[in-house]
Amino acid sequence: MITPEPEENLKRNEMVMGADIIKMLKDSHKEYEITDKLLSKFLDKEETRTPKDFMRSLTFLYTADIVDVDGLQIKLSEMAERDVNQRTDLSDFGGNKE
């Protein structure tokens, strides 16, 4: 299991930044997103982020079979797409679906 270090800044953790990439891919409503555009969105989200952070997060997502890469294009894997769609219903957690 991957666990962050106790002193680690969670905003710079690969799993947290990877969640941002997943959200960006989901919000794009495209089958594939161009890597350069996704990198630009990623860097704009937090000024301390670097292209190296993007690649580390993307590598984590690819290794976990959450994203598929086709040349310079990235998309959510079929498994991740189903999981993300199932988790949008927050009623199981007492949240409001807006």
C-alpha atoms as a PDB file:
ATOM      1  CA  MET A   1       0.000   0.000   0.000  1.00  0.00           C
ATOM      2  CA  ILE A   2       1.285   3.466  -0.867  1.00  0.00           C
ATOM      3  CA  THR A   3       1.143   5.756   2.136  1.00  0.00           C
ATOM      4  CA  PRO A   4       2.312   9.360   2.339  1.00  0.00           C
ATOM      5  CA  GLU A   5       5.049  10.324   4.760  1.00  0.00           C
ATOM      6  CA  PRO A   6       3.769  12.057   7.939  1.00  0.00           C
ATOM      7  CA  GLU A   7       5.698  15.265   7.125  1.00  0.00           C
ATOM      8  CA  GLU A   8       4.750  15.285   3.439  1.00  0.00           C
ATOM      9  CA  ASN A   9       2.794  18.175   1.944  1.00  0.00           C
ATOM     10  CA  LEU A  10      -0.323  16.354   0.700  1.00  0.00           C
ATOM     11  CA  LYS A  11      -0.853  18.886  -2.075  1.00  0.00           C
ATOM     12  CA  ARG A  12       2.362  17.522  -3.627  1.00  0.00           C
ATOM     13  CA  ASN A  13       1.482  13.832  -3.171  1.00  0.00           C
ATOM     14  CA  GLU A  14       1.162  11.804  -6.402  1.00  0.00           C
ATOM     15  CA  MET A  15      -2.172  10.343  -5.322  1.00  0.00           C
ATOM     16  CA  VAL A  16      -3.688  13.760  -4.573  1.00  0.00           C
ATOM     17  CA  MET A  17      -2.373  15.280  -7.803  1.00  0.00           C
ATOM     18  CA  GLY A  18      -3.525  12.143  -9.620  1.00  0.00           C
ATOM     19  CA  ALA A  19      -7.049  12.742  -8.309  1.00  0.00           C
ATOM     20  CA  ASP A  20      -6.886  16.202  -9.880  1.00  0.00           C
ATOM     21  CA  ILE A  21      -5.889  14.646 -13.213  1.00  0.00           C
ATOM     22  CA  ILE A  22      -8.822  12.209 -12.973  1.00  0.00           C
ATOM     23  CA  LYS A  23     -11.201  15.111 -12.337  1.00  0.00           C
ATOM     24  CA  MET A  24      -9.764  17.052 -15.285  1.00  0.00           C
ATOM     25  CA  LEU A  25     -10.235  14.049 -17.576  1.00  0.00           C
ATOM     26  CA  LYS A  26     -13.782  13.503 -16.329  1.00  0.00           C
ATOM     27  CA  ASP A  27     -14.684  17.184 -16.717  1.00  0.00           C
ATOM     28  CA  SER A  28     -13.292  17.389 -20.267  1.00  0.00           C
ATOM     29  CA  HIS A  29     -16.173  15.246 -21.642  1.00  0.00           C
ATOM     30  CA  LYS A  30     -13.847  14.022 -24.407  1.00  0.00           C
ATOM     31  CA  GLU A  31     -12.786  10.472 -25.060  1.00  0.00           C
ATOM     32  CA  TYR A  32      -9.111  11.519 -25.131  1.00  0.00           C
ATOM     33  CA  GLU A  33      -7.358  14.616 -23.799  1.00  0.00           C
ATOM     34  CA  ILE A  34      -4.165  15.927 -25.391  1.00  0.00           C
ATOM     35  CA  THR A  35      -1.234  15.577 -22.966  1.00  0.00           C
ATOM     36  CA  ASP A  36      -0.035  19.187 -23.452  1.00  0.00           C
ATOM     37  CA  LYS A  37      -3.476  20.615 -22.671  1.00  0.00           C
ATOM     38  CA  LEU A  38      -3.827  18.404 -19.607  1.00  0.00           C
ATOM     39  CA  LEU A  39      -0.341  19.434 -18.435  1.00  0.00           C
ATOM     40  CA  SER A  40      -1.274  23.097 -18.824  1.00  0.00           C
ATOM     41  CA  LYS A  41      -4.454  22.634 -16.748  1.00  0.00           C
ATOM     42  CA  PHE A  42      -2.460  20.689 -14.149  1.00  0.00           C
ATOM     43  CA  LEU A  43       0.174  23.421 -13.796  1.00  0.00           C
ATOM     44  CA  ASP A  44      -2.451  26.191 -13.639  1.00  0.00           C
ATOM     45  CA  LYS A  45      -4.207  24.540 -10.698  1.00  0.00           C
ATOM     46  CA  GLU A  46      -1.338  25.145  -8.257  1.00  0.00           C
ATOM     47  CA  GLU A  47       1.633  27.416  -8.929  1.00  0.00           C
ATOM     48  CA  THR A  48       4.111  25.153  -7.081  1.00  0.00           C
ATOM     49  CA  ARG A  49       3.441  22.216  -9.436  1.00  0.00           C
ATOM     50  CA  THR A  50       6.044  21.196 -11.994  1.00  0.00           C
ATOM     51  CA  PRO A  51       6.008  19.073 -15.162  1.00  0.00           C
ATOM     52  CA  LYS A  52       7.904  16.451 -13.134  1.00  0.00           C
ATOM     53  CA  ASP A  53       4.958  16.311 -10.679  1.00  0.00           C
ATOM     54  CA  PHE A  54       2.621  15.770 -13.635  1.00  0.00           C
ATOM     55  CA  MET A  55       4.705  12.899 -14.985  1.00  0.00           C
ATOM     56  CA  ARG A  56       5.025  11.242 -11.563  1.00  0.00           C
ATOM     57  CA  SER A  57       1.250  11.486 -11.028  1.00  0.00           C
ATOM     58  CA  LEU A  58       0.519  10.254 -14.530  1.00  0.00           C
ATOM     59  CA  THR A  59       2.912   7.330 -14.040  1.00  0.00           C
ATOM     60  CA  PHE A  60       1.102   6.429 -10.819  1.00  0.00           C
ATOM     61  CA  LEU A  61      -2.282   6.544 -12.599  1.00  0.00           C
ATOM     62  CA  TYR A  62      -0.993   4.459 -15.520  1.00  0.00           C
ATOM     63  CA  THR A  63       0.579   1.870 -13.217  1.00  0.00           C
ATOM     64  CA  ALA A  64      -2.696   1.586 -11.298  1.00  0.00           C
ATOM     65  CA  ASP A  65      -4.580   1.091 -14.628  1.00  0.00           C
ATOM     66  CA  ILE A  66      -6.608   4.257 -14.097  1.00  0.00           C
ATOM     67  CA  VAL A  67      -5.598   5.960 -17.337  1.00  0.00           C
ATOM     68  CA  ASP A  68      -4.836   4.720 -20.833  1.00  0.00           C
ATOM     69  CA  VAL A  69      -2.206   6.453 -22.932  1.00  0.00           C
ATOM     70  CA  ASP A  70      -2.304   6.438 -26.731  1.00  0.00           C
ATOM     71  CA  GLY A  71       0.633   8.398 -28.099  1.00  0.00           C
ATOM     72  CA  LEU A  72       0.136  11.962 -26.865  1.00  0.00           C
ATOM     73  CA  GLN A  73      -3.450  11.349 -25.754  1.00  0.00           C
ATOM     74  CA  ILE A  74      -4.725  10.311 -22.328  1.00  0.00           C
ATOM     75  CA  LYS A  75      -8.109   8.976 -21.251  1.00  0.00           C
ATOM     76  CA  LEU A  76      -9.639   7.303 -18.224  1.00  0.00           C
ATOM     77  CA  SER A  77      -9.494   3.529 -18.503  1.00  0.00           C
ATOM     78  CA  GLU A  78     -12.814   1.726 -18.867  1.00  0.00           C
ATOM     79  CA  MET A  79     -12.530   0.403 -15.315  1.00  0.00           C
ATOM     80  CA  ALA A  80     -11.834   3.868 -13.903  1.00  0.00           C
ATOM     81  CA  GLU A  81     -14.642   5.425 -15.956  1.00  0.00           C
ATOM     82  CA  ARG A  82     -17.165   2.983 -14.471  1.00  0.00           C
ATOM     83  CA  ASP A  83     -15.822   3.571 -10.962  1.00  0.00           C
ATOM     84  CA  VAL A  84     -15.907   7.372 -11.294  1.00  0.00           C
ATOM     85  CA  ASN A  85     -19.483   7.260 -12.583  1.00  0.00           C
ATOM     86  CA  GLN A  86     -20.575   5.054  -9.669  1.00  0.00           C
ATOM     87  CA  ARG A  87     -18.988   7.367  -7.110  1.00  0.00           C
ATOM     88  CA  THR A  88     -20.783  10.491  -8.323  1.00  0.00           C
ATOM     89  CA  ASP A  89     -23.844   9.424  -6.327  1.00  0.00           C
ATOM     90  CA  LEU A  90     -23.025  10.752  -2.851  1.00  0.00           C
ATOM     91  CA  SER A  91     -26.260   9.622  -1.232  1.00  0.00           C
ATOM     92  CA  ASP A  92     -24.489   6.639   0.353  1.00  0.00           C
ATOM     93  CA  PHE A  93     -22.260   9.078   2.233  1.00  0.00           C
ATOM     94  CA  GLY A  94     -24.977  11.423   3.438  1.00  0.00           C
ATOM     95  CA  GLY A  95     -23.992  14.119   0.927  1.00  0.00           C
ATOM     96  CA  ASN A  96     -26.276  16.118  -1.277  1.00  0.00           C
ATOM     97  CA  LYS A  97     -26.271  15.409  -4.980  1.00  0.00           C
ATOM     98  CA  GLU A  98     -26.278  18.773  -6.721  1.00  0.00           C
END
